[in-house]
């Protein structure tokens, strides 16, 4: 199936599931939906996995991201979506831990972000259609880069990671 024809869950502004639509229709009409974002941390918690998106991605091509994630499919629980995206994008089979939920709005993109973290010290295997390259980054460096408005990072990942870092203290 073409990814544009994939059925995704539709949410209302209050965060309730209200139906489904194709990914294409959701994007074209700017419909409320949900997406997961998983911060992959090293076992000691001192580093986060950062990657650069491929130049062929439909949203934010070529930008850096410090989360693995994606749109919640129709009928899918966000926790299951987080596990699926972590496995698909990074080849990681780790148990996500829910952190918070936050609305992200920019232009016609508006969704409920379900943000998780997972710990992992095993191998990372990129999905070649989505991830161009990746590496572990120390938390202090991630803070510095996220504070730099010129660092080419996806805006939702930046917003979620900055909140996560504030919550860490």
C-alpha atoms as a PDB file:
ATOM      1  CA  UNK A   1       0.000   0.000   0.000  1.00  0.00           C
ATOM      2  CA  UNK A   2       1.179   3.499  -0.800  1.00  0.00           C
ATOM      3  CA  UNK A   3       2.018   5.278   2.492  1.00  0.00           C
ATOM      4  CA  UNK A   4      -0.332   8.100   1.476  1.00  0.00           C
ATOM      5  CA  UNK A   5      -3.209   5.606   1.476  1.00  0.00           C
ATOM      6  CA  UNK A   6      -2.390   4.264   4.958  1.00  0.00           C
ATOM      7  CA  UNK A   7      -5.260   4.794   7.414  1.00  0.00           C
ATOM      8  CA  UNK A   8      -4.330   7.002  10.361  1.00  0.00           C
ATOM      9  CA  UNK A   9      -6.274   7.794  13.517  1.00  0.00           C
ATOM     10  CA  UNK A  10      -8.008  11.165  13.605  1.00  0.00           C
ATOM     11  CA  UNK A  11      -8.289  13.015  16.901  1.00  0.00           C
ATOM     12  CA  UNK A  12     -10.231  16.103  17.881  1.00  0.00           C
ATOM     13  CA  UNK A  13      -8.615  19.193  19.409  1.00  0.00           C
ATOM     14  CA  UNK A  14      -9.347  17.836  22.897  1.00  0.00           C
ATOM     15  CA  UNK A  15      -7.409  14.638  22.184  1.00  0.00           C
ATOM     16  CA  UNK A  16     -10.200  12.119  21.628  1.00  0.00           C
ATOM     17  CA  UNK A  17     -10.112   9.610  18.768  1.00  0.00           C
ATOM     18  CA  UNK A  18     -12.903  10.574  16.366  1.00  0.00           C
ATOM     19  CA  UNK A  19     -12.287   8.473  13.264  1.00  0.00           C
ATOM     20  CA  UNK A  20      -9.776   7.666  10.564  1.00  0.00           C
ATOM     21  CA  UNK A  21      -8.582   9.033   7.233  1.00  0.00           C
ATOM     22  CA  UNK A  22      -5.802   8.339   4.788  1.00  0.00           C
ATOM     23  CA  UNK A  23      -2.431   9.860   5.596  1.00  0.00           C
ATOM     24  CA  UNK A  24      -2.738  11.911   2.391  1.00  0.00           C
ATOM     25  CA  UNK A  25      -6.139  13.335   3.374  1.00  0.00           C
ATOM     26  CA  UNK A  26      -4.921  14.100   6.909  1.00  0.00           C
ATOM     27  CA  UNK A  27      -1.926  16.036   5.518  1.00  0.00           C
ATOM     28  CA  UNK A  28      -3.845  17.834   2.744  1.00  0.00           C
ATOM     29  CA  UNK A  29      -6.667  18.955   5.036  1.00  0.00           C
ATOM     30  CA  UNK A  30      -4.539  19.652   8.131  1.00  0.00           C
ATOM     31  CA  UNK A  31      -6.625  17.295  10.255  1.00  0.00           C
ATOM     32  CA  UNK A  32      -5.956  16.697  13.930  1.00  0.00           C
ATOM     33  CA  UNK A  33      -4.151  13.409  14.498  1.00  0.00           C
ATOM     34  CA  UNK A  34      -1.635  11.841  16.894  1.00  0.00           C
ATOM     35  CA  UNK A  35       1.991  10.899  16.579  1.00  0.00           C
ATOM     36  CA  UNK A  36       4.563   9.243  18.781  1.00  0.00           C
ATOM     37  CA  UNK A  37       8.067  10.477  19.572  1.00  0.00           C
ATOM     38  CA  UNK A  38      10.565   8.218  21.338  1.00  0.00           C
ATOM     39  CA  UNK A  39      13.818   9.555  22.777  1.00  0.00           C
ATOM     40  CA  UNK A  40      16.269   6.657  22.650  1.00  0.00           C
ATOM     41  CA  UNK A  41      18.701   6.920  25.567  1.00  0.00           C
ATOM     42  CA  UNK A  42      21.824   4.930  26.267  1.00  0.00           C
ATOM     43  CA  UNK A  43      21.595   2.480  29.166  1.00  0.00           C
ATOM     44  CA  UNK A  44      23.395   4.914  31.471  1.00  0.00           C
ATOM     45  CA  UNK A  45      21.038   7.717  30.382  1.00  0.00           C
ATOM     46  CA  UNK A  46      23.917  10.028  29.418  1.00  0.00           C
ATOM     47  CA  UNK A  47      23.397  10.009  25.631  1.00  0.00           C
ATOM     48  CA  UNK A  48      20.504  10.269  23.169  1.00  0.00           C
ATOM     49  CA  UNK A  49      20.414   8.756  19.703  1.00  0.00           C
ATOM     50  CA  UNK A  50      20.262  11.492  17.045  1.00  0.00           C
ATOM     51  CA  UNK A  51      19.755  10.878  13.353  1.00  0.00           C
ATOM     52  CA  UNK A  52      19.447  12.776  10.104  1.00  0.00           C
ATOM     53  CA  UNK A  53      16.316  12.112   8.085  1.00  0.00           C
ATOM     54  CA  UNK A  54      16.667  11.107   4.452  1.00  0.00           C
ATOM     55  CA  UNK A  55      16.232  13.783   1.818  1.00  0.00           C
ATOM     56  CA  UNK A  56      13.221  11.848   0.458  1.00  0.00           C
ATOM     57  CA  UNK A  57      11.056  12.082   3.615  1.00  0.00           C
ATOM     58  CA  UNK A  58       7.687  13.752   2.975  1.00  0.00           C
ATOM     59  CA  UNK A  59       7.930  15.827   6.170  1.00  0.00           C
ATOM     60  CA  UNK A  60      11.096  17.665   7.268  1.00  0.00           C
ATOM     61  CA  UNK A  61      13.474  15.965   4.778  1.00  0.00           C
ATOM     62  CA  UNK A  62      17.180  16.081   5.576  1.00  0.00           C
ATOM     63  CA  UNK A  63      16.757  17.550   9.066  1.00  0.00           C
ATOM     64  CA  UNK A  64      18.140  16.114  12.281  1.00  0.00           C
ATOM     65  CA  UNK A  65      15.871  14.419  14.795  1.00  0.00           C
ATOM     66  CA  UNK A  66      16.424  13.172  18.331  1.00  0.00           C
ATOM     67  CA  UNK A  67      13.259  11.066  18.376  1.00  0.00           C
ATOM     68  CA  UNK A  68      12.004   8.062  16.484  1.00  0.00           C
ATOM     69  CA  UNK A  69       8.324   8.231  15.798  1.00  0.00           C
ATOM     70  CA  UNK A  70       5.455   8.743  13.482  1.00  0.00           C
ATOM     71  CA  UNK A  71       1.733   9.001  12.982  1.00  0.00           C
ATOM     72  CA  UNK A  72      -0.541   6.745  15.036  1.00  0.00           C
ATOM     73  CA  UNK A  73      -2.348   4.313  12.720  1.00  0.00           C
ATOM     74  CA  UNK A  74      -6.119   3.850  12.763  1.00  0.00           C
ATOM     75  CA  UNK A  75      -7.021   1.506  15.619  1.00  0.00           C
ATOM     76  CA  UNK A  76      -3.517   1.682  17.089  1.00  0.00           C
ATOM     77  CA  UNK A  77      -2.715   2.556  20.692  1.00  0.00           C
ATOM     78  CA  UNK A  78       0.013   5.237  20.944  1.00  0.00           C
ATOM     79  CA  UNK A  79       2.180   2.907  23.067  1.00  0.00           C
ATOM     80  CA  UNK A  80       2.033   0.261  20.328  1.00  0.00           C
ATOM     81  CA  UNK A  81       2.791   2.971  17.757  1.00  0.00           C
ATOM     82  CA  UNK A  82       5.873   4.014  19.734  1.00  0.00           C
ATOM     83  CA  UNK A  83       7.161   0.411  19.834  1.00  0.00           C
ATOM     84  CA  UNK A  84       6.457  -0.040  16.125  1.00  0.00           C
ATOM     85  CA  UNK A  85       8.214   3.176  15.092  1.00  0.00           C
ATOM     86  CA  UNK A  86      11.258   2.459  17.270  1.00  0.00           C
ATOM     87  CA  UNK A  87      11.589  -0.974  15.652  1.00  0.00           C
ATOM     88  CA  UNK A  88      10.938   0.291  12.106  1.00  0.00           C
ATOM     89  CA  UNK A  89      13.192   3.359  12.121  1.00  0.00           C
ATOM     90  CA  UNK A  90      16.053   2.223  14.353  1.00  0.00           C
ATOM     91  CA  UNK A  91      15.727  -1.560  14.571  1.00  0.00           C
ATOM     92  CA  UNK A  92      15.374  -1.327  18.350  1.00  0.00           C
ATOM     93  CA  UNK A  93      13.190  -3.703  20.385  1.00  0.00           C
ATOM     94  CA  UNK A  94      12.991  -1.781  23.667  1.00  0.00           C
ATOM     95  CA  UNK A  95      10.115  -1.044  26.012  1.00  0.00           C
ATOM     96  CA  UNK A  96       9.020   2.606  25.691  1.00  0.00           C
ATOM     97  CA  UNK A  97       8.230   4.529  28.881  1.00  0.00           C
ATOM     98  CA  UNK A  98       5.512   7.184  28.548  1.00  0.00           C
ATOM     99  CA  UNK A  99       6.729  10.659  29.532  1.00  0.00           C
ATOM    100  CA  UNK A 100       4.082  13.204  28.539  1.00  0.00           C
ATOM    101  CA  UNK A 101       1.553  14.262  25.968  1.00  0.00           C
ATOM    102  CA  UNK A 102       1.804  17.645  24.278  1.00  0.00           C
ATOM    103  CA  UNK A 103       0.007  19.388  21.426  1.00  0.00           C
ATOM    104  CA  UNK A 104       2.194  20.435  18.503  1.00  0.00           C
ATOM    105  CA  UNK A 105       0.905  23.057  16.051  1.00  0.00           C
ATOM    106  CA  UNK A 106       2.826  24.663  13.204  1.00  0.00           C
ATOM    107  CA  UNK A 107       1.075  25.915  10.098  1.00  0.00           C
ATOM    108  CA  UNK A 108      -1.374  23.251   8.970  1.00  0.00           C
ATOM    109  CA  UNK A 109       0.323  20.558  11.067  1.00  0.00           C
ATOM    110  CA  UNK A 110      -1.504  19.979  14.341  1.00  0.00           C
ATOM    111  CA  UNK A 111      -1.365  16.872  16.412  1.00  0.00           C
ATOM    112  CA  UNK A 112      -1.247  15.306  19.845  1.00  0.00           C
ATOM    113  CA  UNK A 113       2.306  14.167  20.537  1.00  0.00           C
ATOM    114  CA  UNK A 114       2.729  11.123  22.751  1.00  0.00           C
ATOM    115  CA  UNK A 115       6.320  11.354  23.977  1.00  0.00           C
ATOM    116  CA  UNK A 116       8.233   8.346  25.306  1.00  0.00           C
ATOM    117  CA  UNK A 117      11.768   7.365  26.192  1.00  0.00           C
ATOM    118  CA  UNK A 118      13.486   3.998  25.944  1.00  0.00           C
ATOM    119  CA  UNK A 119      16.886   2.753  27.105  1.00  0.00           C
ATOM    120  CA  UNK A 120      19.107   0.783  24.749  1.00  0.00           C
ATOM    121  CA  UNK A 121      22.741  -0.263  24.477  1.00  0.00           C
ATOM    122  CA  UNK A 122      22.385  -2.700  21.608  1.00  0.00           C
ATOM    123  CA  UNK A 123      22.872  -2.184  17.905  1.00  0.00           C
ATOM    124  CA  UNK A 124      20.918   0.449  15.991  1.00  0.00           C
ATOM    125  CA  UNK A 125      19.863  -0.523  12.473  1.00  0.00           C
ATOM    126  CA  UNK A 126      18.512   2.317  10.343  1.00  0.00           C
ATOM    127  CA  UNK A 127      15.555   1.996   8.025  1.00  0.00           C
ATOM    128  CA  UNK A 128      17.258   3.256   4.836  1.00  0.00           C
ATOM    129  CA  UNK A 129      14.118   4.988   3.502  1.00  0.00           C
ATOM    130  CA  UNK A 130      13.870   7.146   6.635  1.00  0.00           C
ATOM    131  CA  UNK A 131      17.297   7.492   8.279  1.00  0.00           C
ATOM    132  CA  UNK A 132      20.382   8.724   6.391  1.00  0.00           C
ATOM    133  CA  UNK A 133      22.804   8.508   9.334  1.00  0.00           C
ATOM    134  CA  UNK A 134      22.779   8.474  13.121  1.00  0.00           C
ATOM    135  CA  UNK A 135      24.953   8.648  16.238  1.00  0.00           C
ATOM    136  CA  UNK A 136      24.849   8.870  20.027  1.00  0.00           C
ATOM    137  CA  UNK A 137      25.023  12.426  21.386  1.00  0.00           C
ATOM    138  CA  UNK A 138      25.815  13.412  24.999  1.00  0.00           C
ATOM    139  CA  UNK A 139      22.931  15.190  26.761  1.00  0.00           C
ATOM    140  CA  UNK A 140      24.982  18.361  27.266  1.00  0.00           C
ATOM    141  CA  UNK A 141      25.684  18.596  23.529  1.00  0.00           C
ATOM    142  CA  UNK A 142      22.037  17.924  22.702  1.00  0.00           C
ATOM    143  CA  UNK A 143      20.991  20.798  25.007  1.00  0.00           C
ATOM    144  CA  UNK A 144      23.452  23.140  23.250  1.00  0.00           C
ATOM    145  CA  UNK A 145      22.327  22.159  19.766  1.00  0.00           C
ATOM    146  CA  UNK A 146      18.629  22.427  20.587  1.00  0.00           C
ATOM    147  CA  UNK A 147      19.226  25.927  21.945  1.00  0.00           C
ATOM    148  CA  UNK A 148      20.865  26.904  18.642  1.00  0.00           C
ATOM    149  CA  UNK A 149      18.087  28.189  16.332  1.00  0.00           C
ATOM    150  CA  UNK A 150      20.340  27.498  13.321  1.00  0.00           C
ATOM    151  CA  UNK A 151      20.721  23.760  13.999  1.00  0.00           C
ATOM    152  CA  UNK A 152      18.615  22.042  11.294  1.00  0.00           C
ATOM    153  CA  UNK A 153      16.368  19.920  13.502  1.00  0.00           C
ATOM    154  CA  UNK A 154      12.714  18.978  13.104  1.00  0.00           C
ATOM    155  CA  UNK A 155      10.591  21.529  14.997  1.00  0.00           C
ATOM    156  CA  UNK A 156       8.397  19.023  16.825  1.00  0.00           C
ATOM    157  CA  UNK A 157      11.400  16.961  17.957  1.00  0.00           C
ATOM    158  CA  UNK A 158      13.063  20.155  19.182  1.00  0.00           C
ATOM    159  CA  UNK A 159       9.962  21.183  21.155  1.00  0.00           C
ATOM    160  CA  UNK A 160       9.475  17.755  22.730  1.00  0.00           C
ATOM    161  CA  UNK A 161      13.167  17.293  23.575  1.00  0.00           C
ATOM    162  CA  UNK A 162      13.410  20.763  25.131  1.00  0.00           C
ATOM    163  CA  UNK A 163      10.448  19.986  27.393  1.00  0.00           C
ATOM    164  CA  UNK A 164      11.963  16.603  28.270  1.00  0.00           C
ATOM    165  CA  UNK A 165      15.296  18.231  29.141  1.00  0.00           C
ATOM    166  CA  UNK A 166      13.526  20.863  31.295  1.00  0.00           C
ATOM    167  CA  UNK A 167      11.675  18.080  33.105  1.00  0.00           C
ATOM    168  CA  UNK A 168      15.004  16.273  33.722  1.00  0.00           C
ATOM    169  CA  UNK A 169      16.275  19.408  35.452  1.00  0.00           C
END
